[in-house]
């Protein structure tokens, strides 16, 4: 018998099948100690008793297991979202370089230069070398605050310094003698780009969104390039830059080539204008890093989230009810008011979109300010427009597929006579097998009733006719 006391059971089950018991290593029911493992033995199960304490422990254990599983799933998802892979070789960034000197013109070595993105808080730090030169590489497009500090000199700060895509910026600085805690702050002004002979035009997002839109098939940033950039002609399908060939330019999105099938064609997969931070057109003087083009480069730098939540919404609508009818339609309608052909042609287009961005923030769990951000943009265009089509393309009638062209024959209209003096009617077709010369002139006989006998329809023509059935 068991020597342990138990509370009263709450349920008793009595299955008929036996069950297997595995003896424990220690603590036999009779209080003896095992010297080793013993083989299991089988006994008939006559009663299974559930005790209240055992049920409570099982429920608590299951709850802890559920919490642990939930934590594992959350950590796995966060790992997927926050893992970043480097992409070397991208050309979507800018460079800042220059020389640091004192007020007498002597170069300063060991000056700490810190560039801080004013929107995201991202910091890039470097030191000036023995001749006072410094270089900040791979700077994401944006507005920066650049600080220069050295013991024994006042800290110099340059604010609102814009870094453009694919551009080398030069910033030379002179430090005044004083305490490091003292600072001289200078707001950005127009700079002279003298680092290379690059010929380019850069458009910021504010300029793109403020310019008038010639609306047709959605907003495409490339359309602005052909309007404001000297030496660039064409459209989003076929463009010419600096006298170069068509389909020879390179299109880069955040430094990655966007070429899909045709070189330089960005018409089918353009980036939403709400997602473009900066758009740059380089027409000549490109450096060796642009090795996939002979006709210029279109570079797009996309937006990212910042420390502040921000977004935008847009809508554009066009409807024929808001348009004036054509003069000819108005005149024809005055002559035939019941004819619906003279109403305004269907002309509808609807564009909607928006964007949203900011820091990744989960209340009580994670604050991504200065560390991680999100950005999302969408733009959709829908058009319903009637346009004039070509008049030389038709679809055959069912009778035509069997060689019956009698519907085309109009015996009331005579367009002339043949070499034998026979009248030639409108829509009449002739049998090429009867082509001959009569009196030095070529003549052939028309098909009776404008119907081609099936025996004269070639197998190739029959195959073509079957495509329309």
Protein backbone atom coordinates (compact mmCIF):
# COMPACT_ATOMS: atom_id res chain seq x y z
CA UNK A 1 0.00 0.00 0.00
CA UNK A 2 0.99 3.60 -0.52
CA UNK A 3 2.06 5.39 2.65
CA UNK A 4 1.27 8.90 1.28
CA UNK A 5 -1.92 10.71 2.24
CA UNK A 6 -4.12 12.11 -0.53
CA UNK A 7 -7.14 14.41 -0.60
CA UNK A 8 -10.44 12.98 -1.61
CA UNK A 9 -10.61 12.13 -5.30
CA UNK A 10 -12.89 14.14 -7.55
CA UNK A 11 -13.37 11.59 -10.32
CA UNK A 12 -12.69 7.92 -10.93
CA UNK A 13 -12.42 6.24 -14.30
CA UNK A 14 -12.34 2.46 -14.72
CA UNK A 15 -11.09 1.37 -18.14
CA UNK A 16 -10.74 -2.33 -18.83
CA UNK A 17 -7.37 -2.30 -20.63
CA UNK A 18 -4.05 -2.74 -18.77
CA UNK A 19 -1.40 -0.03 -18.59
CA UNK A 20 2.42 -0.07 -18.30
CA UNK A 21 4.27 1.36 -15.31
CA UNK A 22 7.95 2.35 -15.53
CA UNK A 23 9.66 2.16 -12.13
CA UNK A 24 11.46 5.37 -11.10
CA UNK A 25 15.19 5.48 -10.33
CA UNK A 26 14.54 6.73 -6.83
CA UNK A 27 11.81 6.92 -4.28
CA UNK A 28 9.94 3.63 -4.58
CA UNK A 29 6.47 3.80 -3.10
CA UNK A 30 7.65 1.69 -0.17
CA UNK A 31 10.46 4.13 0.61
CA UNK A 32 13.34 1.92 -0.62
CA UNK A 33 16.08 3.18 -2.91
CA UNK A 34 16.67 1.67 -6.35
CA UNK A 35 20.12 0.49 -7.20
CA UNK A 36 19.49 0.87 -10.92
CA UNK A 37 16.92 0.81 -13.67
CA UNK A 38 14.30 -1.92 -13.57
CA UNK A 39 12.28 -3.15 -16.49
CA UNK A 40 8.73 -1.91 -16.75
CA UNK A 41 5.91 -4.21 -15.77
CA UNK A 42 2.29 -4.28 -16.83
CA UNK A 43 -0.62 -4.30 -14.47
CA UNK A 44 -4.34 -4.14 -15.18
CA UNK A 45 -5.78 -0.67 -14.81
CA UNK A 46 -8.88 -0.92 -12.69
CA UNK A 47 -9.22 2.68 -11.60
CA UNK A 48 -7.75 6.07 -12.55
CA UNK A 49 -8.17 8.71 -9.88
CA UNK A 50 -7.88 12.49 -10.58
CA UNK A 51 -6.80 14.60 -7.61
CA UNK A 52 -7.48 18.39 -7.37
CA UNK A 53 -3.84 19.33 -6.83
CA UNK A 54 -2.70 17.47 -9.95
CA UNK A 55 -5.33 19.21 -12.12
CA UNK A 56 -4.23 22.68 -10.88
CA UNK A 57 -0.56 21.95 -11.57
CA UNK A 58 -1.35 20.73 -15.11
CA UNK A 59 -3.36 23.90 -15.94
CA UNK A 60 -0.59 26.17 -14.63
CA UNK A 61 2.04 24.29 -16.64
CA UNK A 62 -0.04 24.55 -19.85
CA UNK A 63 -0.49 28.29 -19.34
CA UNK A 64 3.28 28.79 -18.96
CA UNK A 65 3.85 26.78 -22.13
CA UNK A 66 1.41 28.99 -24.08
CA UNK A 67 3.15 32.18 -22.88
CA UNK A 68 6.52 30.75 -23.87
CA UNK A 69 5.27 29.80 -27.34
CA UNK A 70 3.86 33.33 -27.82
CA UNK A 71 7.18 34.90 -26.82
CA UNK A 72 9.06 32.66 -29.26
CA UNK A 73 6.76 33.65 -32.13
CA UNK A 74 7.13 37.38 -31.32
CA UNK A 75 10.94 37.14 -31.15
CA UNK A 76 11.04 35.24 -34.45
CA UNK A 77 8.93 37.88 -36.22
CA UNK A 78 11.02 40.72 -34.78
CA UNK A 79 14.18 38.97 -35.96
CA UNK A 80 12.82 38.76 -39.51
CA UNK A 81 11.72 42.41 -39.53
CA UNK A 82 14.87 43.89 -38.02
CA UNK A 83 17.48 41.82 -39.85
CA UNK A 84 19.24 43.94 -42.49
CA UNK A 85 21.52 42.65 -45.22
CA UNK A 86 24.18 44.97 -46.68
CA UNK A 87 24.00 45.87 -50.38
CA UNK A 88 27.41 47.14 -51.46
CA UNK A 89 27.97 49.07 -54.64
CA UNK A 90 24.87 51.21 -54.45
CA UNK A 91 25.04 54.69 -55.98
CA UNK A 92 22.12 56.28 -54.16
CA UNK A 93 24.21 58.24 -51.69
CA UNK A 94 26.34 61.35 -51.52
CA UNK A 95 29.78 62.30 -50.25
CA UNK A 96 31.03 65.21 -48.15
CA UNK A 97 34.69 66.16 -48.10
CA UNK A 98 36.80 69.20 -47.36
CA UNK A 99 39.68 70.64 -45.38
CA UNK A 100 39.76 71.93 -41.80
CA UNK A 101 42.05 74.87 -40.98
CA UNK A 102 42.55 77.39 -38.24
CA UNK A 103 42.08 81.15 -38.65
CA UNK A 104 45.72 81.59 -39.78
CA UNK A 105 45.34 79.01 -42.56
CA UNK A 106 47.19 76.19 -40.89
CA UNK A 107 45.71 72.72 -41.36
CA UNK A 108 44.26 70.92 -38.33
CA UNK A 109 44.68 67.18 -37.84
CA UNK A 110 42.51 64.99 -35.61
CA UNK A 111 39.40 67.16 -35.87
CA UNK A 112 36.29 65.10 -35.11
CA UNK A 113 33.63 65.60 -37.77
CA UNK A 114 30.14 64.33 -36.94
CA UNK A 115 27.30 64.49 -39.48
CA UNK A 116 23.83 63.96 -38.00
CA UNK A 117 20.76 63.44 -40.18
CA UNK A 118 18.26 65.99 -38.92
CA UNK A 119 15.31 63.73 -39.77
CA UNK A 120 16.42 60.31 -38.57
CA UNK A 121 19.23 61.04 -36.10
CA UNK A 122 21.68 58.85 -38.05
CA UNK A 123 25.27 59.84 -37.23
CA UNK A 124 28.43 59.43 -39.30
CA UNK A 125 31.78 60.30 -37.72
CA UNK A 126 35.30 60.66 -39.07
CA UNK A 127 38.58 62.44 -38.26
CA UNK A 128 40.65 64.82 -40.35
CA UNK A 129 44.04 63.46 -41.46
CA UNK A 130 47.53 64.95 -41.13
CA UNK A 131 46.88 67.54 -43.85
CA UNK A 132 43.44 68.50 -42.51
CA UNK A 133 41.42 66.65 -45.12
CA UNK A 134 38.34 64.61 -44.27
CA UNK A 135 35.82 62.56 -46.20
CA UNK A 136 32.34 61.33 -45.24
CA UNK A 137 31.35 58.50 -47.59
CA UNK A 138 28.03 56.82 -48.43
CA UNK A 139 25.85 59.49 -46.86
CA UNK A 140 22.11 58.78 -47.31
CA UNK A 141 20.22 61.56 -49.05
CA UNK A 142 18.87 64.06 -46.56
CA UNK A 143 19.51 67.21 -44.52
CA UNK A 144 22.40 67.13 -42.05
CA UNK A 145 23.88 69.01 -39.13
CA UNK A 146 27.70 68.79 -39.34
CA UNK A 147 29.82 69.53 -36.27
CA UNK A 148 33.61 70.07 -36.18
CA UNK A 149 35.28 69.85 -32.77
CA UNK A 150 38.89 69.86 -31.54
CA UNK A 151 40.37 70.57 -28.12
CA UNK A 152 41.43 74.23 -27.86
CA UNK A 153 39.03 75.39 -30.59
CA UNK A 154 35.41 76.43 -30.67
CA UNK A 155 32.99 73.85 -32.04
CA UNK A 156 31.77 74.74 -35.52
CA UNK A 157 28.32 73.58 -36.64
CA UNK A 158 26.80 73.70 -40.11
CA UNK A 159 23.05 73.11 -40.14
CA UNK A 160 20.56 72.35 -42.93
CA UNK A 161 23.26 70.93 -45.17
CA UNK A 162 21.59 69.01 -48.00
CA UNK A 163 23.21 65.87 -49.39
CA UNK A 164 22.04 64.91 -52.89
CA UNK A 165 22.10 61.55 -54.62
CA UNK A 166 25.36 60.77 -56.43
CA UNK A 167 26.82 64.20 -55.59
CA UNK A 168 30.21 65.07 -54.05
CA UNK A 169 29.81 68.06 -51.73
CA UNK A 170 32.71 70.14 -50.43
CA UNK A 171 32.66 71.87 -47.07
CA UNK A 172 35.83 73.67 -45.98
CA UNK A 173 35.90 74.97 -42.41
CA UNK A 174 38.05 77.34 -40.31
CA UNK A 175 37.99 76.86 -36.54
CA UNK A 176 38.41 79.73 -34.07
CA UNK A 177 40.54 79.41 -30.93
CA UNK A 178 38.40 78.95 -27.83
CA UNK A 179 36.68 76.43 -25.60
CA UNK A 180 35.12 73.32 -27.07
CA UNK A 181 31.91 74.21 -25.23
CA UNK A 182 31.67 77.38 -27.31
CA UNK A 183 30.12 76.91 -30.70
CA UNK A 184 29.68 78.75 -33.96
CA UNK A 185 26.50 77.78 -35.84
CA UNK A 186 26.12 78.57 -39.54
CA UNK A 187 23.00 77.81 -41.55
CA UNK A 188 23.49 76.30 -44.99
CA UNK A 189 23.66 78.54 -48.02
CA UNK A 190 24.28 77.99 -51.71
CA UNK A 191 27.46 76.03 -52.33
CA UNK A 192 29.76 75.88 -55.31
CA UNK A 193 30.13 72.32 -56.59
CA UNK A 194 33.72 72.11 -57.80
CA UNK A 195 34.64 68.51 -57.08
CA UNK A 196 33.81 67.14 -60.54
CA UNK A 197 32.60 68.16 -64.01
CA UNK A 198 29.26 66.40 -63.67
CA UNK A 199 26.40 68.06 -65.58
CA UNK A 200 23.13 67.28 -63.85
CA UNK A 201 19.77 68.56 -62.67
CA UNK A 202 18.39 67.65 -59.25
CA UNK A 203 14.74 67.93 -58.28
CA UNK A 204 13.64 67.64 -54.65
CA UNK A 205 10.26 66.14 -53.74
CA UNK A 206 8.84 69.56 -52.91
CA UNK A 207 9.64 70.84 -56.40
CA UNK A 208 8.19 67.75 -58.08
CA UNK A 209 4.90 67.92 -56.18
CA UNK A 210 4.54 71.69 -56.65
CA UNK A 211 5.07 71.73 -60.42
CA UNK A 212 1.93 71.67 -62.64
CA UNK A 213 0.91 68.21 -63.78
CA UNK A 214 0.10 67.34 -67.38
CA UNK A 215 -2.10 64.43 -66.49
CA UNK A 216 -2.12 61.36 -68.72
CA UNK A 217 -1.68 57.86 -67.41
CA UNK A 218 -0.62 58.78 -63.89
CA UNK A 219 2.16 60.91 -62.48
CA UNK A 220 5.62 59.93 -63.72
CA UNK A 221 8.64 61.79 -62.40
CA UNK A 222 10.53 61.30 -65.66
CA UNK A 223 8.06 63.63 -67.35
CA UNK A 224 9.50 66.54 -65.40
CA UNK A 225 13.02 65.77 -66.63
CA UNK A 226 12.07 66.34 -70.24
CA UNK A 227 10.52 69.70 -69.33
CA UNK A 228 13.22 71.22 -67.10
CA UNK A 229 16.52 69.53 -68.03
CA UNK A 230 18.57 70.94 -70.95
CA UNK A 231 19.71 68.34 -73.46
CA UNK A 232 17.04 65.77 -72.53
CA UNK A 233 14.31 65.03 -75.06
CA UNK A 234 11.64 62.42 -75.59
CA UNK A 235 9.28 60.71 -73.16
CA UNK A 236 9.21 57.86 -70.65
CA UNK A 237 9.33 55.30 -73.45
CA UNK A 238 11.97 56.73 -75.77
CA UNK A 239 14.37 59.41 -74.60
CA UNK A 240 17.53 61.05 -75.91
CA UNK A 241 20.11 62.60 -73.60
CA UNK A 242 22.92 64.82 -74.81
CA UNK A 243 22.53 63.64 -78.39
CA UNK A 244 22.84 59.97 -77.43
CA UNK A 245 20.89 57.03 -78.73
CA UNK A 246 17.42 56.04 -77.64
CA UNK A 247 17.13 53.31 -74.97
CA UNK A 248 20.67 53.94 -73.76
CA UNK A 249 20.17 55.69 -70.42
CA UNK A 250 20.43 53.98 -67.05
CA UNK A 251 17.67 54.16 -64.42
CA UNK A 252 18.69 53.69 -60.79
CA UNK A 253 16.44 53.35 -57.72
CA UNK A 254 18.41 53.79 -54.52
CA UNK A 255 21.52 52.91 -56.51
CA UNK A 256 20.09 49.68 -57.95
CA UNK A 257 19.48 49.29 -61.68
CA UNK A 258 15.78 49.25 -62.58
CA UNK A 259 16.33 47.84 -66.07
CA UNK A 260 13.87 45.01 -66.73
CA UNK A 261 13.66 44.20 -70.45
CA UNK A 262 14.59 47.34 -72.39
CA UNK A 263 17.50 49.54 -71.35
CA UNK A 264 16.30 52.82 -69.86
CA UNK A 265 12.59 51.98 -69.99
CA UNK A 266 10.94 52.87 -66.68
CA UNK A 267 7.40 53.36 -67.95
CA UNK A 268 5.85 50.09 -66.71
CA UNK A 269 7.23 50.11 -63.17
CA UNK A 270 7.72 53.75 -62.12
CA UNK A 271 8.06 54.67 -58.47
CA UNK A 272 5.19 56.58 -56.89
CA UNK A 273 5.91 60.29 -56.73
CA UNK A 274 4.85 60.21 -53.09
CA UNK A 275 7.80 57.86 -52.45
CA UNK A 276 10.48 59.90 -54.25
CA UNK A 277 12.73 62.00 -52.04
CA UNK A 278 14.97 63.23 -54.83
CA UNK A 279 15.26 62.80 -58.58
CA UNK A 280 18.49 63.52 -60.43
CA UNK A 281 19.25 63.58 -64.14
CA UNK A 282 22.93 63.24 -65.11
CA UNK A 283 23.56 64.06 -68.73
CA UNK A 284 27.37 64.05 -69.00
CA UNK A 285 30.56 63.85 -66.99
CA UNK A 286 29.55 60.72 -65.07
CA UNK A 287 32.23 58.95 -63.06
CA UNK A 288 33.39 55.38 -63.66
CA UNK A 289 30.85 53.98 -61.20
CA UNK A 290 28.15 54.42 -63.86
CA UNK A 291 29.32 51.75 -66.26
CA UNK A 292 26.01 50.62 -67.76
CA UNK A 293 25.08 53.66 -69.80
CA UNK A 294 26.07 55.63 -72.86
CA UNK A 295 23.22 58.13 -72.68
CA UNK A 296 22.98 59.54 -69.15
CA UNK A 297 21.59 58.42 -65.80
CA UNK A 298 18.23 58.91 -64.09
CA UNK A 299 18.71 58.42 -60.32
CA UNK A 300 15.85 58.12 -57.83
CA UNK A 301 16.34 58.34 -54.06
CA UNK A 302 13.29 57.03 -52.21
CA UNK A 303 11.94 58.39 -48.95
CA UNK A 304 12.33 56.71 -45.61
CA UNK A 305 10.70 57.08 -42.23
CA UNK A 306 11.88 59.77 -39.83
CA UNK A 307 11.59 60.50 -36.13
CA UNK A 308 8.29 62.24 -36.80
CA UNK A 309 5.15 60.61 -38.13
CA UNK A 310 4.21 62.08 -41.48
CA UNK A 311 2.09 61.23 -44.48
CA UNK A 312 0.20 62.51 -47.49
CA UNK A 313 -3.01 61.88 -49.43
CA UNK A 314 -3.82 62.73 -53.02
CA UNK A 315 -6.75 62.50 -55.40
CA UNK A 316 -7.22 63.60 -58.98
CA UNK A 317 -10.45 63.16 -60.90
CA UNK A 318 -11.54 63.81 -64.45
CA UNK A 319 -15.01 63.27 -65.95
CA UNK A 320 -16.58 64.15 -69.29
CA UNK A 321 -19.46 65.80 -67.44
CA UNK A 322 -17.02 68.57 -66.48
CA UNK A 323 -15.70 69.01 -70.03
CA UNK A 324 -17.03 71.18 -72.82
CA UNK A 325 -18.26 69.41 -75.94
CA UNK A 326 -16.49 69.96 -79.26
CA UNK A 327 -17.75 72.59 -81.67
CA UNK A 328 -18.48 69.97 -84.34
CA UNK A 329 -20.46 67.81 -81.89
CA UNK A 330 -22.51 70.82 -80.81
CA UNK A 331 -23.34 71.67 -84.44
CA UNK A 332 -24.23 68.08 -85.34
CA UNK A 333 -26.38 67.79 -82.23
CA UNK A 334 -28.30 70.90 -83.24
CA UNK A 335 -29.10 69.22 -86.56
CA UNK A 336 -29.89 65.80 -85.02
CA UNK A 337 -30.73 66.22 -81.30
CA UNK A 338 -31.70 62.55 -80.78
CA UNK A 339 -28.42 61.11 -82.05
CA UNK A 340 -26.32 59.93 -79.06
CA UNK A 341 -23.13 60.00 -81.13
CA UNK A 342 -22.80 63.75 -80.62
CA UNK A 343 -22.65 63.67 -76.83
CA UNK A 344 -19.43 64.32 -74.96
CA UNK A 345 -16.97 61.47 -75.48
CA UNK A 346 -16.30 59.34 -72.42
CA UNK A 347 -13.23 60.77 -70.70
CA UNK A 348 -12.70 59.57 -67.14
CA UNK A 349 -9.57 59.22 -65.07
CA UNK A 350 -9.18 58.75 -61.34
CA UNK A 351 -5.90 58.85 -59.47
CA UNK A 352 -5.61 58.27 -55.74
CA UNK A 353 -2.72 57.54 -53.45
CA UNK A 354 -0.90 58.40 -50.30
CA UNK A 355 2.08 57.73 -48.10
CA UNK A 356 2.88 57.26 -44.41
CA UNK A 357 6.10 57.00 -42.47
CA UNK A 358 7.63 57.39 -39.05
CA UNK A 359 9.52 55.56 -36.30
CA UNK A 360 8.62 52.00 -35.39
CA UNK A 361 6.90 52.42 -32.05
CA UNK A 362 5.18 49.74 -29.96
CA UNK A 363 3.85 51.23 -26.72
CA UNK A 364 5.47 49.62 -23.72
CA UNK A 365 7.64 47.32 -25.82
CA UNK A 366 9.80 49.18 -28.33
CA UNK A 367 10.72 52.76 -29.24
CA UNK A 368 12.44 53.00 -32.60
CA UNK A 369 13.24 56.72 -32.61
CA UNK A 370 16.78 57.34 -33.93
CA UNK A 371 17.01 53.60 -34.71
CA UNK A 372 14.36 52.06 -36.94
CA UNK A 373 11.67 53.48 -39.19
CA UNK A 374 8.96 52.50 -41.64
CA UNK A 375 7.63 54.08 -44.83
CA UNK A 376 4.79 53.09 -47.15
CA UNK A 377 3.46 54.64 -50.36
CA UNK A 378 0.76 53.68 -52.86
CA UNK A 379 -0.58 55.26 -56.03
CA UNK A 380 -3.32 53.92 -58.33
CA UNK A 381 -4.53 55.24 -61.68
CA UNK A 382 -7.70 54.17 -63.52
CA UNK A 383 -8.71 55.46 -66.97
CA UNK A 384 -11.82 55.04 -69.11
CA UNK A 385 -11.36 56.99 -72.31
CA UNK A 386 -12.77 56.62 -75.81
CA UNK A 387 -10.26 57.35 -78.54
CA UNK A 388 -10.32 57.20 -82.31
CA UNK A 389 -8.91 53.93 -83.58
CA UNK A 390 -7.36 53.08 -86.93
CA UNK A 391 -9.81 52.79 -89.83
CA UNK A 392 -7.84 50.19 -91.82
CA UNK A 393 -8.24 47.34 -89.32
CA UNK A 394 -11.45 45.33 -89.39
CA UNK A 395 -12.82 42.02 -88.14
CA UNK A 396 -14.30 39.67 -90.80
CA UNK A 397 -18.00 38.86 -90.78
CA UNK A 398 -18.99 35.18 -90.43
CA UNK A 399 -19.93 35.04 -94.13
CA UNK A 400 -16.50 36.33 -95.12
CA UNK A 401 -14.85 33.32 -93.47
CA UNK A 402 -16.64 31.06 -95.98
CA UNK A 403 -15.72 33.20 -98.99
CA UNK A 404 -19.05 35.08 -99.24
CA UNK A 405 -18.26 38.78 -99.81
CA UNK A 406 -21.63 39.67 -101.34
CA UNK A 407 -22.21 42.18 -98.51
CA UNK A 408 -19.40 44.31 -99.94
CA UNK A 409 -20.83 44.44 -103.49
CA UNK A 410 -22.82 47.56 -104.33
CA UNK A 411 -24.05 47.40 -107.91
CA UNK A 412 -25.61 50.85 -107.59
CA UNK A 413 -22.14 52.45 -107.51
CA UNK A 414 -19.94 52.18 -110.60
CA UNK A 415 -16.34 53.19 -110.08
CA UNK A 416 -15.20 52.64 -113.69
CA UNK A 417 -14.85 50.08 -116.49
CA UNK A 418 -12.30 47.35 -117.20
CA UNK A 419 -10.36 46.67 -120.40
CA UNK A 420 -13.37 44.90 -121.93
CA UNK A 421 -15.69 47.81 -121.16
CA UNK A 422 -17.49 46.02 -118.37
CA UNK A 423 -18.59 48.12 -115.40
CA UNK A 424 -16.55 47.85 -112.18
CA UNK A 425 -18.81 48.05 -109.14
CA UNK A 426 -17.92 49.24 -105.64
CA UNK A 427 -16.65 46.38 -103.48
CA UNK A 428 -16.32 43.95 -106.38
CA UNK A 429 -13.63 41.26 -106.11
CA UNK A 430 -11.95 39.47 -109.03
CA UNK A 431 -10.68 35.95 -109.64
CA UNK A 432 -6.85 36.06 -109.90
CA UNK A 433 -6.90 32.74 -111.76
CA UNK A 434 -8.53 34.47 -114.78
CA UNK A 435 -5.90 37.19 -115.10
CA UNK A 436 -4.95 37.66 -118.80
CA UNK A 437 -4.18 40.24 -121.43
CA UNK A 438 -6.87 41.60 -123.73
CA UNK A 439 -5.82 44.12 -126.33
CA UNK A 440 -2.55 44.74 -124.57
CA UNK A 441 -4.25 45.37 -121.24
CA UNK A 442 -4.54 43.17 -118.19
CA UNK A 443 -8.03 42.01 -117.26
CA UNK A 444 -9.67 39.41 -115.01
CA UNK A 445 -13.19 38.20 -114.37
CA UNK A 446 -15.17 39.02 -111.20
CA UNK A 447 -16.41 36.29 -108.90
CA UNK A 448 -20.12 35.73 -109.58
CA UNK A 449 -22.13 37.36 -106.80
CA UNK A 450 -18.84 38.31 -105.08
CA UNK A 451 -18.62 34.76 -103.69
CA UNK A 452 -15.36 32.76 -103.80
CA UNK A 453 -15.99 29.04 -104.40
CA UNK A 454 -14.74 26.91 -101.53
CA UNK A 455 -12.73 24.84 -103.99
CA UNK A 456 -10.61 27.93 -104.71
CA UNK A 457 -9.88 28.82 -101.06
CA UNK A 458 -6.31 27.76 -100.32
CA UNK A 459 -5.51 25.68 -97.21
CA UNK A 460 -3.38 28.53 -95.81
CA UNK A 461 -6.27 31.00 -96.16
CA UNK A 462 -8.64 28.51 -94.54
CA UNK A 463 -6.29 28.19 -91.55
CA UNK A 464 -6.22 31.98 -91.16
CA UNK A 465 -10.01 32.14 -91.37
CA UNK A 466 -10.29 29.49 -88.65
CA UNK A 467 -8.50 31.84 -86.24
CA UNK A 468 -11.54 34.14 -86.28
CA UNK A 469 -14.16 31.45 -85.77
